[in-house]
Amino acid sequence: MWTVKKVGLGVVALSLSLELIVLLVRRLRPQRTLNEVLFFPTEMACVEHIFTPRSSDTCLCSLAHGVETSLSCLLRHILSASSSLDLCIFAFSNMDLSRAVLMLHRRGVTIRVIVDKDYATVTGTQIGVLRKAGICVRCSVGCVYMHHKFAVVDGRLLITGSLNWTLTAVQGNMENVLVTEEPDLVQPFIKEFHKLWALSDPAQHHSSSDRKPAHFTAKA
């Protein structure tokens, strides 16, 4: 009887030891850093399954279904945000990308957007839609274009490249997007966003423009 109990205890101990070894190996093994490159124009395909996963069986649109494209990958990365999305974009008119940002906003994700002032009100822009939804949008100041195209997800994931968030760029242009979690690349973009966010603060801009120059009376 005691021999059977000892064997049983030995098996349990061996099993626990193996589990501990597996956990230790997993902790010591370096985590793979995400690095991905997407190229556009993207293949024309339905992306409804990105927003409503069960829609693949019910969507009746004429586009191909169940196909992973550069656009669907980009949407997945954006929708991976759980706490924050900082977006700095020159032109924003793509409705699928706008839908992703609005979905994050409804989830309670903190979203900040910086756009070029000259492109904030052009025909087709989604900036008014974002503002109407309650998303904080600031326009660049100064006389030069704010030509950045990048987003930072949760302070950990950088999305950047030549792609403007427009239908033309997604479907018609040769563009590139780099997606990376490399801290040495992510951190400078976080710093740049914080700098531009402060510079485009409308309160600061108005207060500085309201300051009246001092008047001096010339002495004879």
C-alpha atoms as a PDB file:
ATOM      1  CA  MET A   1       0.000   0.000   0.000  1.00  0.00           C
ATOM      2  CA  TRP A   2       2.754   2.411   0.958  1.00  0.00           C
ATOM      3  CA  THR A   3       4.640   1.499  -2.214  1.00  0.00           C
ATOM      4  CA  VAL A   4       1.600   2.453  -4.340  1.00  0.00           C
ATOM      5  CA  LYS A   5       1.221   5.760  -2.487  1.00  0.00           C
ATOM      6  CA  LYS A   6       4.921   6.538  -2.962  1.00  0.00           C
ATOM      7  CA  VAL A   7       4.670   5.844  -6.681  1.00  0.00           C
ATOM      8  CA  GLY A   8       1.591   8.055  -6.922  1.00  0.00           C
ATOM      9  CA  LEU A   9       3.286  10.893  -5.055  1.00  0.00           C
ATOM     10  CA  GLY A  10       6.336  10.496  -7.269  1.00  0.00           C
ATOM     11  CA  VAL A  11       4.225  10.821 -10.409  1.00  0.00           C
ATOM     12  CA  VAL A  12       2.519  13.957  -9.057  1.00  0.00           C
ATOM     13  CA  ALA A  13       5.871  15.478  -8.089  1.00  0.00           C
ATOM     14  CA  LEU A  14       7.317  14.699 -11.529  1.00  0.00           C
ATOM     15  CA  SER A  15       4.285  16.260 -13.223  1.00  0.00           C
ATOM     16  CA  LEU A  16       4.573  19.430 -11.127  1.00  0.00           C
ATOM     17  CA  SER A  17       8.310  19.610 -11.806  1.00  0.00           C
ATOM     18  CA  LEU A  18       7.729  19.365 -15.556  1.00  0.00           C
ATOM     19  CA  GLU A  19       5.107  22.142 -15.404  1.00  0.00           C
ATOM     20  CA  LEU A  20       7.499  24.363 -13.469  1.00  0.00           C
ATOM     21  CA  ILE A  21      10.266  23.705 -15.993  1.00  0.00           C
ATOM     22  CA  VAL A  22       7.929  24.595 -18.899  1.00  0.00           C
ATOM     23  CA  LEU A  23       6.879  27.852 -17.185  1.00  0.00           C
ATOM     24  CA  LEU A  24      10.509  28.728 -16.471  1.00  0.00           C
ATOM     25  CA  VAL A  25      11.524  28.114 -20.084  1.00  0.00           C
ATOM     26  CA  ARG A  26       8.668  30.270 -21.327  1.00  0.00           C
ATOM     27  CA  ARG A  27       9.710  33.118 -19.043  1.00  0.00           C
ATOM     28  CA  LEU A  28      13.359  32.905 -20.021  1.00  0.00           C
ATOM     29  CA  ARG A  29      12.612  32.613 -23.737  1.00  0.00           C
ATOM     30  CA  PRO A  30      12.746  36.094 -25.316  1.00  0.00           C
ATOM     31  CA  GLN A  31       9.358  37.302 -26.534  1.00  0.00           C
ATOM     32  CA  ARG A  32       9.168  37.826 -30.261  1.00  0.00           C
ATOM     33  CA  THR A  33       8.851  41.510 -31.156  1.00  0.00           C
ATOM     34  CA  LEU A  34       6.247  42.283 -33.783  1.00  0.00           C
ATOM     35  CA  ASN A  35       7.682  43.660 -37.009  1.00  0.00           C
ATOM     36  CA  GLU A  36       5.477  43.671 -40.092  1.00  0.00           C
ATOM     37  CA  VAL A  37       5.426  45.451 -43.447  1.00  0.00           C
ATOM     38  CA  LEU A  38       2.221  46.042 -45.405  1.00  0.00           C
ATOM     39  CA  PHE A  39       2.085  47.163 -49.020  1.00  0.00           C
ATOM     40  CA  PHE A  40      -0.705  48.925 -50.866  1.00  0.00           C
ATOM     41  CA  PRO A  41      -2.814  49.159 -52.992  1.00  0.00           C
ATOM     42  CA  THR A  42      -4.737  46.460 -51.175  1.00  0.00           C
ATOM     43  CA  GLU A  43      -6.709  43.660 -52.756  1.00  0.00           C
ATOM     44  CA  MET A  44     -10.401  44.460 -52.986  1.00  0.00           C
ATOM     45  CA  ALA A  45     -12.137  42.341 -50.360  1.00  0.00           C
ATOM     46  CA  CYS A  46     -14.887  42.627 -47.759  1.00  0.00           C
ATOM     47  CA  VAL A  47     -13.658  43.736 -44.314  1.00  0.00           C
ATOM     48  CA  GLU A  48     -16.999  43.422 -42.518  1.00  0.00           C
ATOM     49  CA  HIS A  49     -15.702  40.370 -40.622  1.00  0.00           C
ATOM     50  CA  ILE A  50     -13.124  42.619 -38.937  1.00  0.00           C
ATOM     51  CA  PHE A  51     -15.896  44.616 -37.297  1.00  0.00           C
ATOM     52  CA  THR A  52     -18.473  41.839 -36.840  1.00  0.00           C
ATOM     53  CA  PRO A  53     -16.712  38.435 -36.824  1.00  0.00           C
ATOM     54  CA  ARG A  54     -19.867  36.420 -37.598  1.00  0.00           C
ATOM     55  CA  SER A  55     -20.749  38.490 -40.655  1.00  0.00           C
ATOM     56  CA  SER A  56     -18.804  36.271 -43.099  1.00  0.00           C
ATOM     57  CA  ASP A  57     -21.796  33.954 -43.381  1.00  0.00           C
ATOM     58  CA  THR A  58     -24.395  36.710 -43.713  1.00  0.00           C
ATOM     59  CA  CYS A  59     -22.732  39.536 -45.675  1.00  0.00           C
ATOM     60  CA  LEU A  60     -24.229  39.746 -49.161  1.00  0.00           C
ATOM     61  CA  CYS A  61     -21.804  42.258 -50.737  1.00  0.00           C
ATOM     62  CA  SER A  62     -20.163  41.330 -54.033  1.00  0.00           C
ATOM     63  CA  LEU A  63     -16.581  41.544 -52.723  1.00  0.00           C
ATOM     64  CA  ALA A  64     -14.475  38.497 -51.860  1.00  0.00           C
ATOM     65  CA  HIS A  65     -14.977  37.230 -48.308  1.00  0.00           C
ATOM     66  CA  GLY A  66     -12.569  35.646 -45.848  1.00  0.00           C
ATOM     67  CA  VAL A  67      -9.532  37.162 -47.573  1.00  0.00           C
ATOM     68  CA  GLU A  68      -6.770  38.740 -45.493  1.00  0.00           C
ATOM     69  CA  THR A  69      -5.425  41.877 -47.141  1.00  0.00           C
ATOM     70  CA  SER A  70      -3.120  44.724 -46.184  1.00  0.00           C
ATOM     71  CA  LEU A  71      -6.178  46.761 -45.207  1.00  0.00           C
ATOM     72  CA  SER A  72      -7.619  44.013 -42.998  1.00  0.00           C
ATOM     73  CA  CYS A  73      -4.238  43.587 -41.279  1.00  0.00           C
ATOM     74  CA  LEU A  74      -4.019  47.337 -40.714  1.00  0.00           C
ATOM     75  CA  LEU A  75      -7.540  47.396 -39.264  1.00  0.00           C
ATOM     76  CA  ARG A  76      -6.702  44.522 -36.896  1.00  0.00           C
ATOM     77  CA  HIS A  77      -3.641  46.364 -35.595  1.00  0.00           C
ATOM     78  CA  ILE A  78      -5.659  49.520 -34.999  1.00  0.00           C
ATOM     79  CA  LEU A  79      -8.459  47.602 -33.282  1.00  0.00           C
ATOM     80  CA  SER A  80      -5.943  45.886 -30.995  1.00  0.00           C
ATOM     81  CA  ALA A  81      -5.864  49.109 -28.929  1.00  0.00           C
ATOM     82  CA  SER A  82      -7.145  48.574 -25.401  1.00  0.00           C
ATOM     83  CA  SER A  83      -6.289  51.885 -23.720  1.00  0.00           C
ATOM     84  CA  SER A  84      -5.107  54.562 -26.178  1.00  0.00           C
ATOM     85  CA  LEU A  85      -4.668  55.502 -29.816  1.00  0.00           C
ATOM     86  CA  ASP A  86      -2.623  58.543 -30.838  1.00  0.00           C
ATOM     87  CA  LEU A  87      -3.075  59.348 -34.515  1.00  0.00           C
ATOM     88  CA  CYS A  88      -1.087  61.901 -36.481  1.00  0.00           C
ATOM     89  CA  ILE A  89      -2.289  61.924 -40.072  1.00  0.00           C
ATOM     90  CA  PHE A  90      -2.095  64.300 -43.020  1.00  0.00           C
ATOM     91  CA  ALA A  91      -5.357  63.302 -44.730  1.00  0.00           C
ATOM     92  CA  PHE A  92      -8.132  61.098 -43.323  1.00  0.00           C
ATOM     93  CA  SER A  93     -11.119  60.174 -45.507  1.00  0.00           C
ATOM     94  CA  ASN A  94     -11.191  56.358 -45.547  1.00  0.00           C
ATOM     95  CA  MET A  95     -14.491  55.211 -44.038  1.00  0.00           C
ATOM     96  CA  ASP A  96     -13.256  51.756 -42.946  1.00  0.00           C
ATOM     97  CA  LEU A  97     -10.387  53.291 -40.989  1.00  0.00           C
ATOM     98  CA  SER A  98     -12.764  55.900 -39.568  1.00  0.00           C
ATOM     99  CA  ARG A  99     -15.135  53.117 -38.526  1.00  0.00           C
ATOM    100  CA  ALA A 100     -12.284  51.392 -36.653  1.00  0.00           C
ATOM    101  CA  VAL A 101     -11.408  54.585 -34.767  1.00  0.00           C
ATOM    102  CA  LEU A 102     -15.057  55.183 -33.877  1.00  0.00           C
ATOM    103  CA  MET A 103     -15.374  51.592 -32.636  1.00  0.00           C
ATOM    104  CA  LEU A 104     -12.400  52.104 -30.334  1.00  0.00           C
ATOM    105  CA  HIS A 105     -13.959  55.308 -29.049  1.00  0.00           C
ATOM    106  CA  ARG A 106     -17.158  53.446 -28.177  1.00  0.00           C
ATOM    107  CA  ARG A 107     -15.075  50.883 -26.291  1.00  0.00           C
ATOM    108  CA  GLY A 108     -13.682  53.631 -24.095  1.00  0.00           C
ATOM    109  CA  VAL A 109     -10.233  53.840 -25.686  1.00  0.00           C
ATOM    110  CA  THR A 110      -8.651  57.297 -25.295  1.00  0.00           C
ATOM    111  CA  ILE A 111      -8.128  58.724 -28.784  1.00  0.00           C
ATOM    112  CA  ARG A 112      -6.186  61.827 -29.786  1.00  0.00           C
ATOM    113  CA  VAL A 113      -5.919  62.960 -33.394  1.00  0.00           C
ATOM    114  CA  ILE A 114      -3.670  65.560 -35.022  1.00  0.00           C
ATOM    115  CA  VAL A 115      -4.394  66.549 -38.637  1.00  0.00           C
ATOM    116  CA  ASP A 116      -3.117  69.105 -41.092  1.00  0.00           C
ATOM    117  CA  LYS A 117      -5.180  72.271 -40.777  1.00  0.00           C
ATOM    118  CA  ASP A 118      -5.649  72.655 -44.536  1.00  0.00           C
ATOM    119  CA  TYR A 119      -6.957  69.107 -44.947  1.00  0.00           C
ATOM    120  CA  ALA A 120      -9.236  69.045 -41.894  1.00  0.00           C
ATOM    121  CA  THR A 121     -12.254  70.379 -43.832  1.00  0.00           C
ATOM    122  CA  VAL A 122     -11.738  69.141 -47.401  1.00  0.00           C
ATOM    123  CA  THR A 123     -14.583  67.285 -49.096  1.00  0.00           C
ATOM    124  CA  GLY A 124     -14.876  63.711 -47.865  1.00  0.00           C
ATOM    125  CA  THR A 125     -12.776  64.113 -44.733  1.00  0.00           C
ATOM    126  CA  GLN A 126     -13.760  62.042 -41.703  1.00  0.00           C
ATOM    127  CA  ILE A 127     -12.490  64.635 -39.213  1.00  0.00           C
ATOM    128  CA  GLY A 128     -15.954  66.158 -38.710  1.00  0.00           C
ATOM    129  CA  VAL A 129     -17.351  62.670 -38.058  1.00  0.00           C
ATOM    130  CA  LEU A 130     -14.712  62.024 -35.395  1.00  0.00           C
ATOM    131  CA  ARG A 131     -15.329  65.371 -33.719  1.00  0.00           C
ATOM    132  CA  LYS A 132     -19.085  64.844 -33.746  1.00  0.00           C
ATOM    133  CA  ALA A 133     -18.537  61.528 -31.964  1.00  0.00           C
ATOM    134  CA  GLY A 134     -16.615  63.344 -29.210  1.00  0.00           C
ATOM    135  CA  ILE A 135     -13.081  62.443 -30.242  1.00  0.00           C
ATOM    136  CA  CYS A 136     -10.485  65.119 -29.501  1.00  0.00           C
ATOM    137  CA  VAL A 137      -8.975  66.406 -32.751  1.00  0.00           C
ATOM    138  CA  ARG A 138      -6.371  69.142 -33.039  1.00  0.00           C
ATOM    139  CA  CYS A 139      -5.142  70.874 -36.174  1.00  0.00           C
ATOM    140  CA  SER A 140      -1.530  71.683 -36.824  1.00  0.00           C
ATOM    141  CA  VAL A 141      -0.375  75.281 -36.557  1.00  0.00           C
ATOM    142  CA  GLY A 142       2.160  77.118 -38.654  1.00  0.00           C
ATOM    143  CA  CYS A 143       2.647  77.612 -42.362  1.00  0.00           C
ATOM    144  CA  VAL A 144       4.026  74.183 -43.282  1.00  0.00           C
ATOM    145  CA  TYR A 145       2.142  70.945 -43.923  1.00  0.00           C
ATOM    146  CA  MET A 146       1.761  68.492 -41.065  1.00  0.00           C
ATOM    147  CA  HIS A 147       2.707  65.616 -43.363  1.00  0.00           C
ATOM    148  CA  HIS A 148       3.121  62.824 -40.795  1.00  0.00           C
ATOM    149  CA  LYS A 149       1.265  59.518 -41.203  1.00  0.00           C
ATOM    150  CA  PHE A 150       1.630  57.507 -38.021  1.00  0.00           C
ATOM    151  CA  ALA A 151      -0.337  56.025 -35.163  1.00  0.00           C
ATOM    152  CA  VAL A 152       0.744  54.736 -31.761  1.00  0.00           C
ATOM    153  CA  VAL A 153      -1.387  52.007 -30.193  1.00  0.00           C
ATOM    154  CA  ASP A 154      -1.337  51.691 -26.379  1.00  0.00           C
ATOM    155  CA  GLY A 155       2.101  53.331 -26.299  1.00  0.00           C
ATOM    156  CA  ARG A 156       3.612  50.036 -27.517  1.00  0.00           C
ATOM    157  CA  LEU A 157       2.839  49.622 -31.214  1.00  0.00           C
ATOM    158  CA  LEU A 158       3.871  51.979 -34.017  1.00  0.00           C
ATOM    159  CA  ILE A 159       2.064  52.139 -37.377  1.00  0.00           C
ATOM    160  CA  THR A 160       3.837  54.403 -39.869  1.00  0.00           C
ATOM    161  CA  GLY A 161       4.724  54.755 -43.526  1.00  0.00           C
ATOM    162  CA  SER A 162       3.714  56.613 -46.662  1.00  0.00           C
ATOM    163  CA  LEU A 163       0.009  55.739 -46.426  1.00  0.00           C
ATOM    164  CA  ASN A 164      -2.519  58.510 -45.945  1.00  0.00           C
ATOM    165  CA  TRP A 165      -5.796  57.217 -44.511  1.00  0.00           C
ATOM    166  CA  THR A 166      -7.704  57.845 -47.727  1.00  0.00           C
ATOM    167  CA  LEU A 167      -9.561  55.624 -50.184  1.00  0.00           C
ATOM    168  CA  THR A 168      -7.189  56.631 -52.981  1.00  0.00           C
ATOM    169  CA  ALA A 169      -4.101  55.686 -50.970  1.00  0.00           C
ATOM    170  CA  VAL A 170      -5.552  52.354 -49.846  1.00  0.00           C
ATOM    171  CA  GLN A 171      -6.953  51.242 -53.195  1.00  0.00           C
ATOM    172  CA  GLY A 172      -5.016  53.125 -55.839  1.00  0.00           C
ATOM    173  CA  ASN A 173      -1.531  54.129 -54.713  1.00  0.00           C
ATOM    174  CA  MET A 174       1.701  52.243 -54.210  1.00  0.00           C
ATOM    175  CA  GLU A 175       2.206  52.752 -50.487  1.00  0.00           C
ATOM    176  CA  ASN A 176       3.925  51.129 -47.541  1.00  0.00           C
ATOM    177  CA  VAL A 177       3.167  50.726 -43.832  1.00  0.00           C
ATOM    178  CA  LEU A 178       5.562  49.535 -41.148  1.00  0.00           C
ATOM    179  CA  VAL A 179       4.086  48.000 -37.987  1.00  0.00           C
ATOM    180  CA  THR A 180       6.533  47.492 -35.137  1.00  0.00           C
ATOM    181  CA  GLU A 181       6.815  47.068 -31.392  1.00  0.00           C
ATOM    182  CA  GLU A 182      10.544  47.931 -31.317  1.00  0.00           C
ATOM    183  CA  PRO A 183      10.843  50.351 -28.359  1.00  0.00           C
ATOM    184  CA  ASP A 184      13.721  52.236 -29.990  1.00  0.00           C
ATOM    185  CA  LEU A 185      11.396  53.087 -32.884  1.00  0.00           C
ATOM    186  CA  VAL A 186       8.154  53.544 -30.957  1.00  0.00           C
ATOM    187  CA  GLN A 187       9.492  55.969 -28.334  1.00  0.00           C
ATOM    188  CA  PRO A 188      10.661  58.742 -30.728  1.00  0.00           C
ATOM    189  CA  PHE A 189       7.212  58.791 -32.336  1.00  0.00           C
ATOM    190  CA  ILE A 190       5.560  59.044 -28.918  1.00  0.00           C
ATOM    191  CA  LYS A 191       7.832  61.995 -28.162  1.00  0.00           C
ATOM    192  CA  GLU A 192       7.017  63.627 -31.510  1.00  0.00           C
ATOM    193  CA  PHE A 193       3.293  63.212 -30.951  1.00  0.00           C
ATOM    194  CA  HIS A 194       3.470  64.776 -27.482  1.00  0.00           C
ATOM    195  CA  LYS A 195       5.399  67.723 -28.928  1.00  0.00           C
ATOM    196  CA  LEU A 196       2.898  68.303 -31.756  1.00  0.00           C
ATOM    197  CA  TRP A 197      -0.054  67.823 -29.409  1.00  0.00           C
ATOM    198  CA  ALA A 198       1.231  70.585 -27.155  1.00  0.00           C
ATOM    199  CA  LEU A 199       2.025  72.880 -30.093  1.00  0.00           C
ATOM    200  CA  SER A 200      -1.466  72.444 -31.534  1.00  0.00           C
ATOM    201  CA  ASP A 201      -3.250  73.142 -28.251  1.00  0.00           C
ATOM    202  CA  PRO A 202      -5.948  75.677 -29.271  1.00  0.00           C
ATOM    203  CA  ALA A 203      -5.987  77.251 -25.799  1.00  0.00           C
ATOM    204  CA  GLN A 204      -2.290  78.010 -26.017  1.00  0.00           C
ATOM    205  CA  HIS A 205      -2.634  79.298 -29.560  1.00  0.00           C
ATOM    206  CA  HIS A 206      -5.535  81.620 -28.754  1.00  0.00           C
ATOM    207  CA  SER A 207      -3.915  82.943 -25.602  1.00  0.00           C
ATOM    208  CA  SER A 208      -0.744  83.826 -27.466  1.00  0.00           C
ATOM    209  CA  SER A 209      -2.658  85.479 -30.323  1.00  0.00           C
ATOM    210  CA  ASP A 210      -4.719  87.498 -27.852  1.00  0.00           C
ATOM    211  CA  ARG A 211      -1.679  89.112 -26.344  1.00  0.00           C
ATOM    212  CA  LYS A 212      -1.474  92.729 -27.440  1.00  0.00           C
ATOM    213  CA  PRO A 213       1.923  94.202 -28.167  1.00  0.00           C
ATOM    214  CA  ALA A 214       3.121  96.843 -25.755  1.00  0.00           C
ATOM    215  CA  HIS A 215       2.807 100.446 -26.918  1.00  0.00           C
ATOM    216  CA  PHE A 216       5.680 102.804 -26.454  1.00  0.00           C
ATOM    217  CA  THR A 217       5.691 106.550 -26.791  1.00  0.00           C
ATOM    218  CA  ALA A 218       8.704 107.902 -28.558  1.00  0.00           C
ATOM    219  CA  LYS A 219      10.520 110.597 -26.699  1.00  0.00           C
ATOM    220  CA  ALA A 220      11.340 113.816 -28.477  1.00  0.00           C
END
